[in-house]
Amino acid sequence: MRAREESPGEIASTLIGSSVATRELRDEADLAARLIVGVMIAGESGVGKKRLAELIHRQSVRCRAPFVAVRCADLGDAQLEARLFGDACRVRRTSALERADGGTIFLENVDALSATLQARLMRFLVTGDVQPVGRNPLWPRVNVRVICSTTVPLIQTPGLFRTDLYYLLNPIYLPIPPLRDRPEDVQPLLEYFTAYYARRNGVVPPRLTLECLDSGLKYKWPGNVRQLQAAAALFVAPTRPATPHEIFESAAKCLPSLTTPESSYRPG
């Protein structure tokens, strides 16, 4: 049987690079995978927080159990509560926490949780009981590892997040620096992604010229690795002749939103 090809969405691109920050992140991720405590991953949009969470899960003792991701910022309060804990008032749907039993739940943008949902999550972390919305005498108990991510400095923003919940979620803290702060990683990431997209398209990988690499080093990458990945796809299948900088800018337009350097996450 042919081995399944690893895609950029399946871990590898998170830890590619030669910078000191990336080498340290590899060591810290390895430690996090060997332990069973909670992990908080911090950084700007596009740095690879979900990929790092997947990597930690896949290298842990829970790797054969489910990895369930919940995007906290995408749902309203009531919808998110029902998604996480279930809703006893409707046709019974398995909650995300129940689906992750024995494995890992990844709470993306945990900073989006309201005060009410922070209290509910706090109770779950203390008891392990999943209390559905509505009246239900049966509260399933599950064994779930919680990994979460944030794009804002939770502890530095008074009133945003419960301090007791923050420390329960944060035995291991993994900040991922923005790509502009680790330019040594730009070339290996471009090489990785262009080779990947060349394989997908059945073409020879384009040669990364000195002009391209120099432009990549100088560019600020507001969309981080996600933007660089989009740029690599454009290098492989360009729609028109363009300079590297023009391709980088075109890749930025492919992204729904970008974190600018002025508003970036800076871990404390």
Protein backbone atom coordinates (compact mmCIF):
# COMPACT_ATOMS: atom_id res chain seq x y z
CA MET A 1 0.00 0.00 0.00
CA ARG A 2 1.27 3.42 -0.92
CA ALA A 3 2.05 5.70 2.01
CA ARG A 4 -0.30 8.66 2.27
CA GLU A 5 1.43 11.87 1.29
CA GLU A 6 1.68 14.41 4.07
CA SER A 7 0.04 17.71 3.16
CA PRO A 8 0.88 21.18 4.49
CA GLY A 9 -2.21 20.90 6.67
CA GLU A 10 -0.75 17.85 8.37
CA ILE A 11 1.92 19.11 10.63
CA ALA A 12 5.26 19.25 8.85
CA SER A 13 5.23 22.92 7.90
CA THR A 14 4.82 24.06 11.50
CA LEU A 15 8.28 22.96 12.56
CA ILE A 16 10.28 23.56 9.38
CA GLY A 17 13.01 26.13 9.78
CA SER A 18 16.55 26.77 10.97
CA SER A 19 15.95 29.69 13.35
CA VAL A 20 16.71 29.43 17.04
CA ALA A 21 13.02 30.01 17.80
CA THR A 22 11.95 27.08 15.62
CA ARG A 23 14.57 24.76 17.07
CA GLU A 24 13.42 25.66 20.58
CA LEU A 25 9.80 25.14 19.56
CA ARG A 26 10.63 21.62 18.34
CA ASP A 27 12.08 20.75 21.75
CA GLU A 28 9.14 22.26 23.61
CA ALA A 29 6.60 20.50 21.37
CA ASP A 30 8.38 17.20 21.95
CA LEU A 31 8.11 17.73 25.72
CA ALA A 32 4.43 18.68 25.42
CA ALA A 33 3.74 15.50 23.43
CA ARG A 34 5.32 13.32 26.13
CA LEU A 35 3.23 14.87 28.91
CA ILE A 36 -0.55 14.75 29.36
CA VAL A 37 -1.18 18.23 30.72
CA GLY A 38 -2.90 21.13 28.99
CA VAL A 39 -1.15 23.29 26.42
CA MET A 40 -1.74 26.89 25.38
CA ILE A 41 -0.37 27.90 21.97
CA ALA A 42 -0.09 31.63 21.35
CA GLY A 43 0.66 33.68 18.28
CA GLU A 44 -0.67 35.70 15.39
CA SER A 45 -3.06 34.42 12.80
CA GLY A 46 -1.36 32.16 10.26
CA VAL A 47 1.68 31.04 12.30
CA GLY A 48 0.48 27.43 12.53
CA LYS A 49 -1.17 27.05 15.94
CA LYS A 50 -3.63 24.33 14.88
CA ARG A 51 -0.89 22.40 13.08
CA LEU A 52 1.25 22.45 16.18
CA ALA A 53 -1.69 21.20 18.26
CA GLU A 54 -2.18 18.33 15.78
CA LEU A 55 1.50 17.48 15.98
CA ILE A 56 1.45 17.32 19.76
CA HIS A 57 -1.60 15.05 19.66
CA ARG A 58 -0.18 12.77 16.96
CA GLN A 59 3.06 12.28 18.87
CA SER A 60 1.35 11.70 22.24
CA VAL A 61 0.02 8.52 23.87
CA ARG A 62 -3.44 9.67 22.79
CA CYS A 63 -2.57 9.54 19.09
CA ARG A 64 -5.00 6.70 18.30
CA ALA A 65 -7.93 8.58 19.86
CA PRO A 66 -9.80 11.51 18.25
CA PHE A 67 -8.47 15.02 17.72
CA VAL A 68 -11.46 17.36 17.72
CA ALA A 69 -11.04 21.03 16.80
CA VAL A 70 -13.57 23.72 17.73
CA ARG A 71 -13.29 27.25 16.34
CA CYS A 72 -14.56 29.30 19.28
CA ALA A 73 -14.68 32.60 17.40
CA ASP A 74 -16.93 31.29 14.62
CA LEU A 75 -20.06 30.62 16.69
CA GLY A 76 -22.43 32.60 18.86
CA ASP A 77 -22.51 31.93 22.58
CA ALA A 78 -25.50 29.55 22.52
CA GLN A 79 -24.24 27.65 19.48
CA LEU A 80 -20.77 27.26 20.94
CA GLU A 81 -22.15 26.05 24.26
CA ALA A 82 -24.25 23.41 22.51
CA ARG A 83 -21.31 22.41 20.30
CA LEU A 84 -18.98 21.94 23.27
CA PHE A 85 -21.36 20.42 25.83
CA GLY A 86 -24.35 19.15 23.85
CA ASP A 87 -28.01 20.19 24.06
CA ALA A 88 -30.47 17.98 25.97
CA CYS A 89 -33.44 20.03 24.73
CA ARG A 90 -32.94 18.98 21.11
CA VAL A 91 -32.36 15.72 19.32
CA ARG A 92 -29.33 14.40 21.16
CA ARG A 93 -26.11 15.27 19.38
CA THR A 94 -22.78 14.10 20.68
CA SER A 95 -20.89 17.05 22.08
CA ALA A 96 -17.38 17.90 20.95
CA LEU A 97 -16.05 16.95 24.38
CA GLU A 98 -17.69 13.52 24.17
CA ARG A 99 -16.34 12.96 20.64
CA ALA A 100 -12.85 13.75 21.93
CA ASP A 101 -13.07 11.24 24.81
CA GLY A 102 -9.70 9.55 25.25
CA GLY A 103 -8.08 12.03 22.90
CA THR A 104 -7.60 15.76 22.51
CA ILE A 105 -9.88 18.73 22.02
CA PHE A 106 -8.38 21.84 20.45
CA LEU A 107 -10.10 25.10 21.37
CA GLU A 108 -9.03 27.57 18.70
CA ASN A 109 -9.22 31.22 19.78
CA VAL A 110 -10.14 30.37 23.35
CA ASP A 111 -10.00 34.12 24.03
CA ALA A 112 -13.41 34.34 22.31
CA LEU A 113 -15.16 32.48 25.16
CA SER A 114 -17.70 34.54 27.08
CA ALA A 115 -17.60 34.73 30.88
CA THR A 116 -20.43 32.16 31.01
CA LEU A 117 -18.58 29.67 28.83
CA GLN A 118 -15.35 30.25 30.73
CA ALA A 119 -17.19 29.20 33.89
CA ARG A 120 -18.60 26.12 32.13
CA LEU A 121 -15.17 25.13 30.84
CA MET A 122 -13.68 25.68 34.30
CA ARG A 123 -16.22 23.29 35.80
CA PHE A 124 -15.46 20.67 33.17
CA LEU A 125 -11.71 20.88 33.78
CA VAL A 126 -12.25 20.38 37.51
CA THR A 127 -14.82 17.55 37.34
CA GLY A 128 -14.52 15.96 33.90
CA ASP A 129 -18.33 16.04 33.65
CA VAL A 130 -19.97 17.16 30.41
CA GLN A 131 -23.18 18.94 31.41
CA PRO A 132 -25.42 19.43 28.35
CA VAL A 133 -27.54 22.53 27.87
CA GLY A 134 -31.02 22.00 29.38
CA ARG A 135 -32.30 19.50 31.88
CA ASN A 136 -30.50 16.20 31.71
CA PRO A 137 -29.80 14.07 34.78
CA LEU A 138 -27.15 12.10 32.90
CA TRP A 139 -23.84 13.93 32.69
CA PRO A 140 -21.26 11.87 30.83
CA ARG A 141 -17.74 11.94 32.24
CA VAL A 142 -14.92 12.00 29.75
CA ASN A 143 -11.14 11.95 29.74
CA VAL A 144 -9.97 14.68 27.37
CA ARG A 145 -6.74 16.60 26.97
CA VAL A 146 -7.37 20.28 26.26
CA ILE A 147 -5.07 22.23 23.95
CA CYS A 148 -6.07 25.78 23.18
CA SER A 149 -4.83 28.72 21.18
CA THR A 150 -5.05 32.48 21.45
CA THR A 151 -4.08 35.46 19.33
CA VAL A 152 -4.20 37.91 22.25
CA PRO A 153 -2.18 38.05 25.51
CA LEU A 154 -4.88 36.77 27.86
CA ILE A 155 -3.17 37.42 31.17
CA GLN A 156 -2.18 40.94 30.13
CA THR A 157 -5.75 42.01 29.30
CA PRO A 158 -7.65 42.69 32.56
CA GLY A 159 -11.20 41.35 32.59
CA LEU A 160 -10.84 39.37 29.37
CA PHE A 161 -10.16 35.96 30.85
CA ARG A 162 -10.50 34.26 34.23
CA THR A 163 -7.12 33.96 35.89
CA ASP A 164 -7.91 30.57 37.46
CA LEU A 165 -8.99 29.16 34.08
CA TYR A 166 -5.92 30.61 32.39
CA TYR A 167 -3.58 28.73 34.69
CA LEU A 168 -5.55 25.48 34.37
CA LEU A 169 -5.24 25.66 30.59
CA ASN A 170 -1.63 26.77 30.64
CA PRO A 171 0.71 24.23 32.27
CA ILE A 172 2.70 24.35 29.03
CA TYR A 173 2.85 27.64 27.13
CA LEU A 174 4.08 27.58 23.53
CA PRO A 175 4.40 30.98 21.82
CA ILE A 176 5.02 30.84 18.06
CA PRO A 177 6.86 33.95 16.85
CA PRO A 178 5.63 35.70 13.69
CA LEU A 179 7.50 34.83 10.52
CA ARG A 180 8.97 38.35 10.21
CA ASP A 181 10.87 37.70 13.46
CA ARG A 182 12.49 34.51 12.14
CA PRO A 183 13.60 35.28 8.57
CA GLU A 184 15.95 32.27 8.59
CA ASP A 185 12.83 30.10 8.21
CA VAL A 186 11.61 31.75 5.01
CA GLN A 187 13.84 29.83 2.56
CA PRO A 188 13.22 26.32 3.96
CA LEU A 189 9.48 27.02 4.14
CA LEU A 190 9.38 28.27 0.54
CA GLU A 191 11.34 25.22 -0.60
CA TYR A 192 9.01 22.89 1.28
CA PHE A 193 5.79 24.42 -0.03
CA THR A 194 6.92 24.85 -3.64
CA ALA A 195 8.05 21.20 -3.72
CA TYR A 196 4.70 20.13 -2.25
CA TYR A 197 2.62 22.08 -4.78
CA ALA A 198 4.84 20.95 -7.65
CA ARG A 199 4.16 17.33 -6.69
CA ARG A 200 0.45 18.03 -6.47
CA ASN A 201 0.44 19.61 -9.92
CA GLY A 202 2.81 17.10 -11.52
CA VAL A 203 5.38 19.71 -12.49
CA VAL A 204 9.04 20.36 -11.80
CA PRO A 205 9.53 22.61 -8.73
CA PRO A 206 10.42 26.16 -9.78
CA ARG A 207 13.93 27.38 -9.02
CA LEU A 208 13.90 29.92 -6.22
CA THR A 209 16.10 32.71 -7.52
CA LEU A 210 18.31 34.95 -5.42
CA GLU A 211 15.85 37.77 -6.12
CA CYS A 212 13.01 35.65 -4.75
CA LEU A 213 14.89 34.62 -1.62
CA ASP A 214 16.13 38.15 -0.97
CA SER A 215 12.60 39.52 -1.36
CA GLY A 216 11.31 36.84 0.99
CA LEU A 217 13.84 37.78 3.65
CA LYS A 218 12.92 41.46 3.44
CA TYR A 219 9.17 40.96 3.25
CA LYS A 220 7.20 41.38 6.52
CA TRP A 221 4.74 38.48 5.97
CA PRO A 222 1.67 39.91 7.73
CA GLY A 223 -0.15 36.63 7.03
CA ASN A 224 2.77 34.56 8.36
CA VAL A 225 3.22 30.95 7.19
CA ARG A 226 -0.31 30.82 5.75
CA GLN A 227 0.54 33.68 3.39
CA LEU A 228 3.88 32.12 2.45
CA GLN A 229 2.08 28.86 1.64
CA ALA A 230 -0.30 30.71 -0.68
CA ALA A 231 2.67 32.46 -2.31
CA ALA A 232 4.37 29.12 -2.94
CA ALA A 233 1.27 27.87 -4.74
CA LEU A 234 1.38 30.95 -6.97
CA PHE A 235 5.07 30.38 -7.73
CA VAL A 236 4.26 26.87 -8.93
CA ALA A 237 1.28 27.86 -11.05
CA PRO A 238 1.60 31.59 -11.85
CA THR A 239 -1.30 33.17 -13.71
CA ARG A 240 0.94 35.88 -15.19
CA PRO A 241 4.56 37.05 -15.02
CA ALA A 242 5.19 38.83 -11.74
CA THR A 243 7.99 39.81 -9.40
CA PRO A 244 8.38 37.91 -6.10
CA HIS A 245 7.04 40.92 -4.19
CA GLU A 246 3.96 41.04 -6.41
CA ILE A 247 3.37 37.34 -5.78
CA PHE A 248 3.71 37.85 -2.02
CA GLU A 249 1.15 40.66 -2.19
CA SER A 250 -1.19 38.56 -4.33
CA ALA A 251 -0.96 35.79 -1.74
CA ALA A 252 -1.99 38.27 0.96
CA LYS A 253 -5.17 39.01 -0.98
CA CYS A 254 -6.05 35.29 -0.88
CA LEU A 255 -6.35 35.43 2.90
CA PRO A 256 -9.59 36.56 4.60
CA SER A 257 -7.82 38.71 7.19
CA LEU A 258 -4.29 39.52 8.22
CA THR A 259 -2.68 40.52 11.47
CA THR A 260 -0.59 43.61 10.90
CA PRO A 261 2.72 44.19 12.66
CA GLU A 262 1.21 47.13 14.53
CA SER A 263 -1.55 44.99 16.06
CA SER A 264 0.38 41.78 16.47
CA TYR A 265 0.36 39.42 19.40
CA ARG A 266 3.36 39.90 21.64
CA PRO A 267 3.64 37.25 24.36
CA GLY A 268 4.68 38.52 27.72
